Amino acid sequence: MSAYHITVFLDRKTNVRGTGMPNPVLHVEPDGWHGPGDISFQMRQSVTAEERVKIAEEFLKSVTAWRDQIVGEVERERTAVDELAAAREEIARLKSEAEVA
């Protein structure tokens, strides 16, 4: 197999769909529709059923890990924003108490 490096930017329009036998294909459609520019991952007929399942499981494992990493980053960012907002509220409260005293 040749080595490829392809960068495709994904957004909310991106569509991913798969087809089954006899040659399973995973289609990634960055623009949200099947047409020029889509990326297809296809398994050869010579790949056994067990190998096909292992390949699909590896895709699933990798995409799930990618998603979990993104979710963790979003949660950390949200927590930092919430902590900053709470700190600002506390500063405002302390300033208000200091002005009254």
PDB file of N, CA and C in Angstrom:
ATOM      1  N   MET A   1       0.847  -1.174   0.000  1.00  0.00           N
ATOM      2  CA  MET A   1       0.000   0.000   0.000  1.00  0.00           C
ATOM      3  C   MET A   1       0.886   1.229   0.000  1.00  0.00           C
ATOM      4  N   SER A   2       0.467   2.231  -0.709  1.00  0.00           N
ATOM      5  CA  SER A   2       1.169   3.507  -0.737  1.00  0.00           C
ATOM      6  C   SER A   2       0.830   4.309   0.507  1.00  0.00           C
ATOM      7  N   ALA A   3       1.701   5.227   0.855  1.00  0.00           N
ATOM      8  CA  ALA A   3       1.452   6.109   1.991  1.00  0.00           C
ATOM      9  C   ALA A   3       0.770   7.374   1.494  1.00  0.00           C
ATOM     10  N   TYR A   4      -0.276   7.780   2.202  1.00  0.00           N
ATOM     11  CA  TYR A   4      -1.021   8.973   1.841  1.00  0.00           C
ATOM     12  C   TYR A   4      -1.165   9.851   3.067  1.00  0.00           C
ATOM     13  N   HIS A   5      -1.174  11.130   2.832  1.00  0.00           N
ATOM     14  CA  HIS A   5      -1.504  12.083   3.891  1.00  0.00           C
ATOM     15  C   HIS A   5      -2.494  13.058   3.282  1.00  0.00           C
ATOM     16  N   ILE A   6      -3.696  13.041   3.805  1.00  0.00           N
ATOM     17  CA  ILE A   6      -4.759  13.888   3.284  1.00  0.00           C
ATOM     18  C   ILE A   6      -5.357  14.641   4.469  1.00  0.00           C
ATOM     19  N   THR A   7      -5.488  15.934   4.339  1.00  0.00           N
ATOM     20  CA  THR A   7      -6.145  16.730   5.371  1.00  0.00           C
ATOM     21  C   THR A   7      -7.464  17.236   4.814  1.00  0.00           C
ATOM     22  N   VAL A   8      -8.527  16.943   5.523  1.00  0.00           N
ATOM     23  CA  VAL A   8      -9.860  17.396   5.141  1.00  0.00           C
ATOM     24  C   VAL A   8     -10.449  18.057   6.376  1.00  0.00           C
ATOM     25  N   PHE A   9     -10.951  19.265   6.219  1.00  0.00           N
ATOM     26  CA  PHE A   9     -11.558  19.963   7.341  1.00  0.00           C
ATOM     27  C   PHE A   9     -13.025  19.571   7.442  1.00  0.00           C
ATOM     28  N   LEU A  10     -13.424  19.158   8.634  1.00  0.00           N
ATOM     29  CA  LEU A  10     -14.790  18.703   8.882  1.00  0.00           C
ATOM     30  C   LEU A  10     -15.578  19.798   9.571  1.00  0.00           C
ATOM     31  N   ASP A  11     -16.861  19.855   9.284  1.00  0.00           N
ATOM     32  CA  ASP A  11     -17.751  20.763   9.996  1.00  0.00           C
ATOM     33  C   ASP A  11     -19.092  20.065  10.180  1.00  0.00           C
ATOM     34  N   ARG A  12     -20.107  20.813  10.590  1.00  0.00           N
ATOM     35  CA  ARG A  12     -21.402  20.188  10.878  1.00  0.00           C
ATOM     36  C   ARG A  12     -22.064  19.588   9.657  1.00  0.00           C
ATOM     37  N   LYS A  13     -21.665  19.982   8.452  1.00  0.00           N
ATOM     38  CA  LYS A  13     -22.252  19.423   7.233  1.00  0.00           C
ATOM     39  C   LYS A  13     -21.715  18.032   6.933  1.00  0.00           C
ATOM     40  N   THR A  14     -20.570  17.678   7.499  1.00  0.00           N
ATOM     41  CA  THR A  14     -19.921  16.409   7.182  1.00  0.00           C
ATOM     42  C   THR A  14     -20.864  15.238   7.413  1.00  0.00           C
ATOM     43  N   ASN A  15     -20.869  14.327   6.447  1.00  0.00           N
ATOM     44  CA  ASN A  15     -21.691  13.129   6.530  1.00  0.00           C
ATOM     45  C   ASN A  15     -20.773  11.912   6.463  1.00  0.00           C
ATOM     46  N   VAL A  16     -21.054  10.925   7.277  1.00  0.00           N
ATOM     47  CA  VAL A  16     -20.318   9.658   7.238  1.00  0.00           C
ATOM     48  C   VAL A  16     -21.354   8.561   7.126  1.00  0.00           C
ATOM     49  N   ARG A  17     -21.136   7.672   6.162  1.00  0.00           N
ATOM     50  CA  ARG A  17     -22.085   6.568   5.990  1.00  0.00           C
ATOM     51  C   ARG A  17     -21.315   5.341   5.527  1.00  0.00           C
ATOM     52  N   GLY A  18     -21.872   4.204   5.773  1.00  0.00           N
ATOM     53  CA  GLY A  18     -21.241   2.967   5.370  1.00  0.00           C
ATOM     54  C   GLY A  18     -22.179   2.083   4.585  1.00  0.00           C
ATOM     55  N   THR A  19     -21.598   1.208   3.794  1.00  0.00           N
ATOM     56  CA  THR A  19     -22.369   0.208   3.066  1.00  0.00           C
ATOM     57  C   THR A  19     -21.842  -1.164   3.447  1.00  0.00           C
ATOM     58  N   GLY A  20     -22.631  -2.176   3.196  1.00  0.00           N
ATOM     59  CA  GLY A  20     -22.255  -3.528   3.593  1.00  0.00           C
ATOM     60  C   GLY A  20     -21.635  -4.337   2.473  1.00  0.00           C
ATOM     61  N   MET A  21     -21.945  -5.597   2.443  1.00  0.00           N
ATOM     62  CA  MET A  21     -21.363  -6.573   1.538  1.00  0.00           C
ATOM     63  C   MET A  21     -21.724  -6.270   0.095  1.00  0.00           C
ATOM     64  N   PRO A  22     -21.019  -6.756  -0.899  1.00  0.00           N
ATOM     65  CA  PRO A  22     -19.881  -7.660  -0.753  1.00  0.00           C
ATOM     66  C   PRO A  22     -18.569  -6.936  -0.435  1.00  0.00           C
ATOM     67  N   ASN A  23     -18.434  -5.668  -0.768  1.00  0.00           N
ATOM     68  CA  ASN A  23     -17.234  -4.905  -0.442  1.00  0.00           C
ATOM     69  C   ASN A  23     -17.639  -3.750   0.470  1.00  0.00           C
ATOM     70  N   PRO A  24     -17.514  -3.912   1.792  1.00  0.00           N
ATOM     71  CA  PRO A  24     -17.918  -2.841   2.696  1.00  0.00           C
ATOM     72  C   PRO A  24     -17.145  -1.549   2.397  1.00  0.00           C
ATOM     73  N   VAL A  25     -17.871  -0.426   2.421  1.00  0.00           N
ATOM     74  CA  VAL A  25     -17.265   0.880   2.148  1.00  0.00           C
ATOM     75  C   VAL A  25     -17.708   1.856   3.233  1.00  0.00           C
ATOM     76  N   LEU A  26     -16.756   2.642   3.726  1.00  0.00           N
ATOM     77  CA  LEU A  26     -17.054   3.736   4.632  1.00  0.00           C
ATOM     78  C   LEU A  26     -16.824   5.018   3.844  1.00  0.00           C
ATOM     79  N   HIS A  27     -17.887   5.809   3.695  1.00  0.00           N
ATOM     80  CA  HIS A  27     -17.803   7.065   2.945  1.00  0.00           C
ATOM     81  C   HIS A  27     -17.747   8.227   3.934  1.00  0.00           C
ATOM     82  N   VAL A  28     -16.787   9.123   3.740  1.00  0.00           N
ATOM     83  CA  VAL A  28     -16.713  10.371   4.494  1.00  0.00           C
ATOM     84  C   VAL A  28     -16.952  11.476   3.480  1.00  0.00           C
ATOM     85  N   GLU A  29     -18.014  12.223   3.704  1.00  0.00           N
ATOM     86  CA  GLU A  29     -18.412  13.278   2.764  1.00  0.00           C
ATOM     87  C   GLU A  29     -18.305  14.624   3.482  1.00  0.00           C
ATOM     88  N   PRO A  30     -17.145  15.283   3.375  1.00  0.00           N
ATOM     89  CA  PRO A  30     -16.929  16.523   4.113  1.00  0.00           C
ATOM     90  C   PRO A  30     -17.951  17.613   3.809  1.00  0.00           C
ATOM     91  N   ASP A  31     -18.436  17.691   2.585  1.00  0.00           N
ATOM     92  CA  ASP A  31     -19.405  18.726   2.217  1.00  0.00           C
ATOM     93  C   ASP A  31     -20.847  18.307   2.475  1.00  0.00           C
ATOM     94  N   GLY A  32     -21.039  17.095   3.005  1.00  0.00           N
ATOM     95  CA  GLY A  32     -22.376  16.657   3.365  1.00  0.00           C
ATOM     96  C   GLY A  32     -23.155  15.970   2.273  1.00  0.00           C
ATOM     97  N   TRP A  33     -22.552  15.754   1.132  1.00  0.00           N
ATOM     98  CA  TRP A  33     -23.264  15.059   0.059  1.00  0.00           C
ATOM     99  C   TRP A  33     -22.286  14.225  -0.738  1.00  0.00           C
ATOM    100  N   HIS A  34     -22.798  13.162  -1.329  1.00  0.00           N
ATOM    101  CA  HIS A  34     -21.974  12.261  -2.114  1.00  0.00           C
ATOM    102  C   HIS A  34     -21.661  12.922  -3.458  1.00  0.00           C
ATOM    103  N   GLY A  35     -20.415  13.128  -3.695  1.00  0.00           N
ATOM    104  CA  GLY A  35     -19.994  13.773  -4.936  1.00  0.00           C
ATOM    105  C   GLY A  35     -18.496  13.936  -4.945  1.00  0.00           C
ATOM    106  N   PRO A  36     -17.991  14.763  -5.821  1.00  0.00           N
ATOM    107  CA  PRO A  36     -16.550  14.981  -5.870  1.00  0.00           C
ATOM    108  C   PRO A  36     -16.037  15.475  -4.517  1.00  0.00           C
ATOM    109  N   GLY A  37     -14.939  14.903  -4.103  1.00  0.00           N
ATOM    110  CA  GLY A  37     -14.361  15.312  -2.836  1.00  0.00           C
ATOM    111  C   GLY A  37     -14.653  14.378  -1.682  1.00  0.00           C
ATOM    112  N   ASP A  38     -15.467  13.350  -1.905  1.00  0.00           N
ATOM    113  CA  ASP A  38     -15.702  12.420  -0.815  1.00  0.00           C
ATOM    114  C   ASP A  38     -14.531  11.458  -0.698  1.00  0.00           C
ATOM    115  N   ILE A  39     -14.397  10.861   0.470  1.00  0.00           N
ATOM    116  CA  ILE A  39     -13.316   9.919   0.740  1.00  0.00           C
ATOM    117  C   ILE A  39     -13.958   8.571   1.029  1.00  0.00           C
ATOM    118  N   SER A  40     -13.469   7.537   0.394  1.00  0.00           N
ATOM    119  CA  SER A  40     -14.035   6.199   0.590  1.00  0.00           C
ATOM    120  C   SER A  40     -12.960   5.246   1.080  1.00  0.00           C
ATOM    121  N   PHE A  41     -13.315   4.471   2.079  1.00  0.00           N
ATOM    122  CA  PHE A  41     -12.460   3.398   2.582  1.00  0.00           C
ATOM    123  C   PHE A  41     -13.177   2.102   2.260  1.00  0.00           C
ATOM    124  N   GLN A  42     -12.562   1.292   1.408  1.00  0.00           N
ATOM    125  CA  GLN A  42     -13.227   0.081   0.955  1.00  0.00           C
ATOM    126  C   GLN A  42     -12.392  -1.140   1.306  1.00  0.00           C
ATOM    127  N   MET A  43     -13.064  -2.223   1.678  1.00  0.00           N
ATOM    128  CA  MET A  43     -12.386  -3.480   1.968  1.00  0.00           C
ATOM    129  C   MET A  43     -12.474  -4.387   0.747  1.00  0.00           C
ATOM    130  N   ARG A  44     -11.380  -5.029   0.454  1.00  0.00           N
ATOM    131  CA  ARG A  44     -11.345  -5.958  -0.682  1.00  0.00           C
ATOM    132  C   ARG A  44     -12.161  -7.218  -0.365  1.00  0.00           C
ATOM    133  N   GLN A  45     -12.608  -7.885  -1.417  1.00  0.00           N
ATOM    134  CA  GLN A  45     -13.345  -9.141  -1.230  1.00  0.00           C
ATOM    135  C   GLN A  45     -12.470 -10.203  -0.590  1.00  0.00           C
ATOM    136  N   SER A  46     -11.158 -10.088  -0.741  1.00  0.00           N
ATOM    137  CA  SER A  46     -10.252 -11.093  -0.186  1.00  0.00           C
ATOM    138  C   SER A  46     -10.112 -10.993   1.337  1.00  0.00           C
ATOM    139  N   VAL A  47     -10.588  -9.894   1.919  1.00  0.00           N
ATOM    140  CA  VAL A  47     -10.526  -9.739   3.373  1.00  0.00           C
ATOM    141  C   VAL A  47     -11.606 -10.619   3.992  1.00  0.00           C
ATOM    142  N   THR A  48     -11.219 -11.442   4.953  1.00  0.00           N
ATOM    143  CA  THR A  48     -12.179 -12.362   5.566  1.00  0.00           C
ATOM    144  C   THR A  48     -13.191 -11.592   6.415  1.00  0.00           C
ATOM    145  N   ALA A  49     -14.286 -12.259   6.737  1.00  0.00           N
ATOM    146  CA  ALA A  49     -15.319 -11.641   7.567  1.00  0.00           C
ATOM    147  C   ALA A  49     -14.751 -11.227   8.922  1.00  0.00           C
ATOM    148  N   GLU A  50     -13.922 -12.082   9.505  1.00  0.00           N
ATOM    149  CA  GLU A  50     -13.322 -11.767  10.803  1.00  0.00           C
ATOM    150  C   GLU A  50     -12.403 -10.544  10.689  1.00  0.00           C
ATOM    151  N   GLU A  51     -11.645 -10.457   9.597  1.00  0.00           N
ATOM    152  CA  GLU A  51     -10.754  -9.309   9.395  1.00  0.00           C
ATOM    153  C   GLU A  51     -11.556  -8.025   9.190  1.00  0.00           C
ATOM    154  N   ARG A  52     -12.678  -8.143   8.490  1.00  0.00           N
ATOM    155  CA  ARG A  52     -13.535  -6.970   8.268  1.00  0.00           C
ATOM    156  C   ARG A  52     -14.048  -6.417   9.598  1.00  0.00           C
ATOM    157  N   VAL A  53     -14.459  -7.320  10.474  1.00  0.00           N
ATOM    158  CA  VAL A  53     -14.944  -6.905  11.791  1.00  0.00           C
ATOM    159  C   VAL A  53     -13.818  -6.234  12.568  1.00  0.00           C
ATOM    160  N   LYS A  54     -12.616  -6.797  12.522  1.00  0.00           N
ATOM    161  CA  LYS A  54     -11.483  -6.203  13.242  1.00  0.00           C
ATOM    162  C   LYS A  54     -11.152  -4.809  12.701  1.00  0.00           C
ATOM    163  N   ILE A  55     -11.206  -4.646  11.398  1.00  0.00           N
ATOM    164  CA  ILE A  55     -10.936  -3.335  10.783  1.00  0.00           C
ATOM    165  C   ILE A  55     -11.987  -2.331  11.242  1.00  0.00           C
ATOM    166  N   ALA A  56     -13.252  -2.730  11.185  1.00  0.00           N
ATOM    167  CA  ALA A  56     -14.330  -1.837  11.610  1.00  0.00           C
ATOM    168  C   ALA A  56     -14.201  -1.505  13.093  1.00  0.00           C
ATOM    169  N   GLU A  57     -13.827  -2.481  13.904  1.00  0.00           N
ATOM    170  CA  GLU A  57     -13.648  -2.230  15.334  1.00  0.00           C
ATOM    171  C   GLU A  57     -12.498  -1.256  15.584  1.00  0.00           C
ATOM    172  N   GLU A  58     -11.440  -1.337  14.781  1.00  0.00           N
ATOM    173  CA  GLU A  58     -10.316  -0.411  14.935  1.00  0.00           C
ATOM    174  C   GLU A  58     -10.746   1.010  14.576  1.00  0.00           C
ATOM    175  N   PHE A  59     -11.530   1.163  13.519  1.00  0.00           N
ATOM    176  CA  PHE A  59     -12.088   2.481  13.182  1.00  0.00           C
ATOM    177  C   PHE A  59     -12.914   2.992  14.360  1.00  0.00           C
ATOM    178  N   LEU A  60     -13.808   2.141  14.857  1.00  0.00           N
ATOM    179  CA  LEU A  60     -14.688   2.526  15.958  1.00  0.00           C
ATOM    180  C   LEU A  60     -13.883   2.924  17.189  1.00  0.00           C
ATOM    181  N   LYS A  61     -12.892   2.136  17.535  1.00  0.00           N
ATOM    182  CA  LYS A  61     -12.058   2.421  18.703  1.00  0.00           C
ATOM    183  C   LYS A  61     -11.339   3.762  18.546  1.00  0.00           C
ATOM    184  N   SER A  62     -10.781   4.010  17.390  1.00  0.00           N
ATOM    185  CA  SER A  62     -10.041   5.245  17.157  1.00  0.00           C
ATOM    186  C   SER A  62     -10.950   6.470  17.149  1.00  0.00           C
ATOM    187  N   VAL A  63     -12.095   6.366  16.485  1.00  0.00           N
ATOM    188  CA  VAL A  63     -13.027   7.501  16.437  1.00  0.00           C
ATOM    189  C   VAL A  63     -13.604   7.760  17.825  1.00  0.00           C
ATOM    190  N   THR A  64     -13.895   6.710  18.585  1.00  0.00           N
ATOM    191  CA  THR A  64     -14.408   6.878  19.941  1.00  0.00           C
ATOM    192  C   THR A  64     -13.365   7.557  20.827  1.00  0.00           C
ATOM    193  N   ALA A  65     -12.110   7.158  20.724  1.00  0.00           N
ATOM    194  CA  ALA A  65     -11.046   7.795  21.505  1.00  0.00           C
ATOM    195  C   ALA A  65     -10.893   9.259  21.113  1.00  0.00           C
ATOM    196  N   TRP A  66     -10.989   9.554  19.818  1.00  0.00           N
ATOM    197  CA  TRP A  66     -10.915  10.936  19.325  1.00  0.00           C
ATOM    198  C   TRP A  66     -12.053  11.758  19.911  1.00  0.00           C
ATOM    199  N   ARG A  67     -13.272  11.225  19.856  1.00  0.00           N
ATOM    200  CA  ARG A  67     -14.439  11.906  20.417  1.00  0.00           C
ATOM    201  C   ARG A  67     -14.268  12.141  21.909  1.00  0.00           C
ATOM    202  N   ASP A  68     -13.819  11.113  22.641  1.00  0.00           N
ATOM    203  CA  ASP A  68     -13.649  11.238  24.086  1.00  0.00           C
ATOM    204  C   ASP A  68     -12.624  12.319  24.427  1.00  0.00           C
ATOM    205  N   GLN A  69     -11.577  12.425  23.635  1.00  0.00           N
ATOM    206  CA  GLN A  69     -10.566  13.461  23.843  1.00  0.00           C
ATOM    207  C   GLN A  69     -11.187  14.847  23.646  1.00  0.00           C
ATOM    208  N   ILE A  70     -11.978  15.003  22.598  1.00  0.00           N
ATOM    209  CA  ILE A  70     -12.640  16.285  22.331  1.00  0.00           C
ATOM    210  C   ILE A  70     -13.607  16.625  23.457  1.00  0.00           C
ATOM    211  N   VAL A  71     -14.389  15.656  23.915  1.00  0.00           N
ATOM    212  CA  VAL A  71     -15.331  15.881  25.012  1.00  0.00           C
ATOM    213  C   VAL A  71     -14.570  16.317  26.264  1.00  0.00           C
ATOM    214  N   GLY A  72     -13.458  15.682  26.560  1.00  0.00           N
ATOM    215  CA  GLY A  72     -12.657  16.056  27.728  1.00  0.00           C
ATOM    216  C   GLY A  72     -12.134  17.475  27.630  1.00  0.00           C
ATOM    217  N   GLU A  73     -11.681  17.854  26.441  1.00  0.00           N
ATOM    218  CA  GLU A  73     -11.187  19.215  26.247  1.00  0.00           C
ATOM    219  C   GLU A  73     -12.303  20.235  26.421  1.00  0.00           C
ATOM    220  N   VAL A  74     -13.494  19.935  25.882  1.00  0.00           N
ATOM    221  CA  VAL A  74     -14.632  20.837  26.019  1.00  0.00           C
ATOM    222  C   VAL A  74     -15.028  20.962  27.489  1.00  0.00           C
ATOM    223  N   GLU A  75     -15.044  19.843  28.210  1.00  0.00           N
ATOM    224  CA  GLU A  75     -15.407  19.883  29.633  1.00  0.00           C
ATOM    225  C   GLU A  75     -14.395  20.678  30.440  1.00  0.00           C
ATOM    226  N   ARG A  76     -13.091  20.520  30.142  1.00  0.00           N
ATOM    227  CA  ARG A  76     -12.062  21.293  30.850  1.00  0.00           C
ATOM    228  C   ARG A  76     -12.220  22.782  30.556  1.00  0.00           C
ATOM    229  N   GLU A  77     -12.496  23.111  29.295  1.00  0.00           N
ATOM    230  CA  GLU A  77     -12.686  24.507  28.920  1.00  0.00           C
ATOM    231  C   GLU A  77     -13.913  25.087  29.618  1.00  0.00           C
ATOM    232  N   ARG A  78     -14.999  24.333  29.630  1.00  0.00           N
ATOM    233  CA  ARG A  78     -16.231  24.783  30.289  1.00  0.00           C
ATOM    234  C   ARG A  78     -15.987  24.979  31.782  1.00  0.00           C
ATOM    235  N   THR A  79     -15.249  24.058  32.409  1.00  0.00           N
ATOM    236  CA  THR A  79     -14.939  24.171  33.826  1.00  0.00           C
ATOM    237  C   THR A  79     -14.109  25.424  34.094  1.00  0.00           C
ATOM    238  N   ALA A  80     -13.130  25.696  33.251  1.00  0.00           N
ATOM    239  CA  ALA A  80     -12.305  26.891  33.424  1.00  0.00           C
ATOM    240  C   ALA A  80     -13.144  28.157  33.301  1.00  0.00           C
ATOM    241  N   VAL A  81     -14.051  28.191  32.339  1.00  0.00           N
ATOM    242  CA  VAL A  81     -14.937  29.351  32.155  1.00  0.00           C
ATOM    243  C   VAL A  81     -15.838  29.506  33.374  1.00  0.00           C
ATOM    244  N   ASP A  82     -16.399  28.399  33.874  1.00  0.00           N
ATOM    245  CA  ASP A  82     -17.263  28.452  35.058  1.00  0.00           C
ATOM    246  C   ASP A  82     -16.488  28.930  36.285  1.00  0.00           C
ATOM    247  N   GLU A  83     -15.253  28.439  36.450  1.00  0.00           N
ATOM    248  CA  GLU A  83     -14.436  28.851  37.591  1.00  0.00           C
ATOM    249  C   GLU A  83     -14.088  30.331  37.501  1.00  0.00           C
ATOM    250  N   LEU A  84     -13.787  30.813  36.315  1.00  0.00           N
ATOM    251  CA  LEU A  84     -13.491  32.234  36.127  1.00  0.00           C
ATOM    252  C   LEU A  84     -14.715  33.091  36.459  1.00  0.00           C
ATOM    253  N   ALA A  85     -15.889  32.665  36.007  1.00  0.00           N
ATOM    254  CA  ALA A  85     -17.120  33.403  36.302  1.00  0.00           C
ATOM    255  C   ALA A  85     -17.382  33.423  37.804  1.00  0.00           C
ATOM    256  N   ALA A  86     -17.172  32.296  38.479  1.00  0.00           N
ATOM    257  CA  ALA A  86     -17.376  32.231  39.928  1.00  0.00           C
ATOM    258  C   ALA A  86     -16.382  33.136  40.651  1.00  0.00           C
ATOM    259  N   ALA A  87     -15.142  33.166  40.192  1.00  0.00           N
ATOM    260  CA  ALA A  87     -14.141  34.041  40.797  1.00  0.00           C
ATOM    261  C   ALA A  87     -14.512  35.506  40.615  1.00  0.00           C
ATOM    262  N   ARG A  88     -14.998  35.864  39.456  1.00  0.00           N
ATOM    263  CA  ARG A  88     -15.425  37.249  39.217  1.00  0.00           C
ATOM    264  C   ARG A  88     -16.594  37.625  40.125  1.00  0.00           C
ATOM    265  N   GLU A  89     -17.536  36.701  40.307  1.00  0.00           N
ATOM    266  CA  GLU A  89     -18.659  36.962  41.208  1.00  0.00           C
ATOM    267  C   GLU A  89     -18.169  37.159  42.642  1.00  0.00           C
ATOM    268  N   GLU A  90     -17.216  36.354  43.056  1.00  0.00           N
ATOM    269  CA  GLU A  90     -16.672  36.471  44.409  1.00  0.00           C
ATOM    270  C   GLU A  90     -15.934  37.795  44.586  1.00  0.00           C
ATOM    271  N   ILE A  91     -15.184  38.215  43.582  1.00  0.00           N
ATOM    272  CA  ILE A  91     -14.487  39.507  43.632  1.00  0.00           C
ATOM    273  C   ILE A  91     -15.499  40.640  43.747  1.00  0.00           C
ATOM    274  N   ALA A  92     -16.550  40.578  42.953  1.00  0.00           N
ATOM    275  CA  ALA A  92     -17.590  41.605  43.007  1.00  0.00           C
ATOM    276  C   ALA A  92     -18.254  41.636  44.379  1.00  0.00           C
ATOM    277  N   ARG A  93     -18.513  40.479  44.944  1.00  0.00           N
ATOM    278  CA  ARG A  93     -19.125  40.395  46.276  1.00  0.00           C
ATOM    279  C   ARG A  93     -18.202  41.003  47.320  1.00  0.00           C
ATOM    280  N   LEU A  94     -16.920  40.663  47.265  1.00  0.00           N
ATOM    281  CA  LEU A  94     -15.950  41.195  48.230  1.00  0.00           C
ATOM    282  C   LEU A  94     -15.807  42.713  48.086  1.00  0.00           C
ATOM    283  N   LYS A  95     -15.799  43.204  46.864  1.00  0.00           N
ATOM    284  CA  LYS A  95     -15.731  44.663  46.638  1.00  0.00           C
ATOM    285  C   LYS A  95     -16.957  45.341  47.222  1.00  0.00           C
ATOM    286  N   SER A  96     -18.118  44.733  47.002  1.00  0.00           N
ATOM    287  CA  SER A  96     -19.366  45.304  47.514  1.00  0.00           C
ATOM    288  C   SER A  96     -19.347  45.342  49.039  1.00  0.00           C
ATOM    289  N   GLU A  97     -18.878  44.295  49.667  1.00  0.00           N
ATOM    290  CA  GLU A  97     -18.788  44.252  51.138  1.00  0.00           C
ATOM    291  C   GLU A  97     -17.796  45.281  51.645  1.00  0.00           C
ATOM    292  N   ALA A  98     -16.679  45.452  50.934  1.00  0.00           N
ATOM    293  CA  ALA A  98     -15.662  46.418  51.341  1.00  0.00           C
ATOM    294  C   ALA A  98     -16.189  47.853  51.240  1.00  0.00           C
ATOM    295  N   GLU A  99     -17.011  48.113  50.254  1.00  0.00           N
ATOM    296  CA  GLU A  99     -17.580  49.465  50.073  1.00  0.00           C
ATOM    297  C   GLU A  99     -18.596  49.767  51.168  1.00  0.00           C
ATOM    298  N   VAL A 100     -19.337  48.767  51.611  1.00  0.00           N
ATOM    299  CA  VAL A 100     -20.345  48.950  52.653  1.00  0.00           C
ATOM    300  C   VAL A 100     -19.664  49.188  53.988  1.00  0.00           C
ATOM    301  N   ALA A 101     -18.552  48.541  54.217  1.00  0.00           N
ATOM    302  CA  ALA A 101     -17.872  48.612  55.521  1.00  0.00           C
ATOM    303  C   ALA A 101     -17.136  49.872  55.724  1.00  0.00           C
TER     304      ALA A 101
END
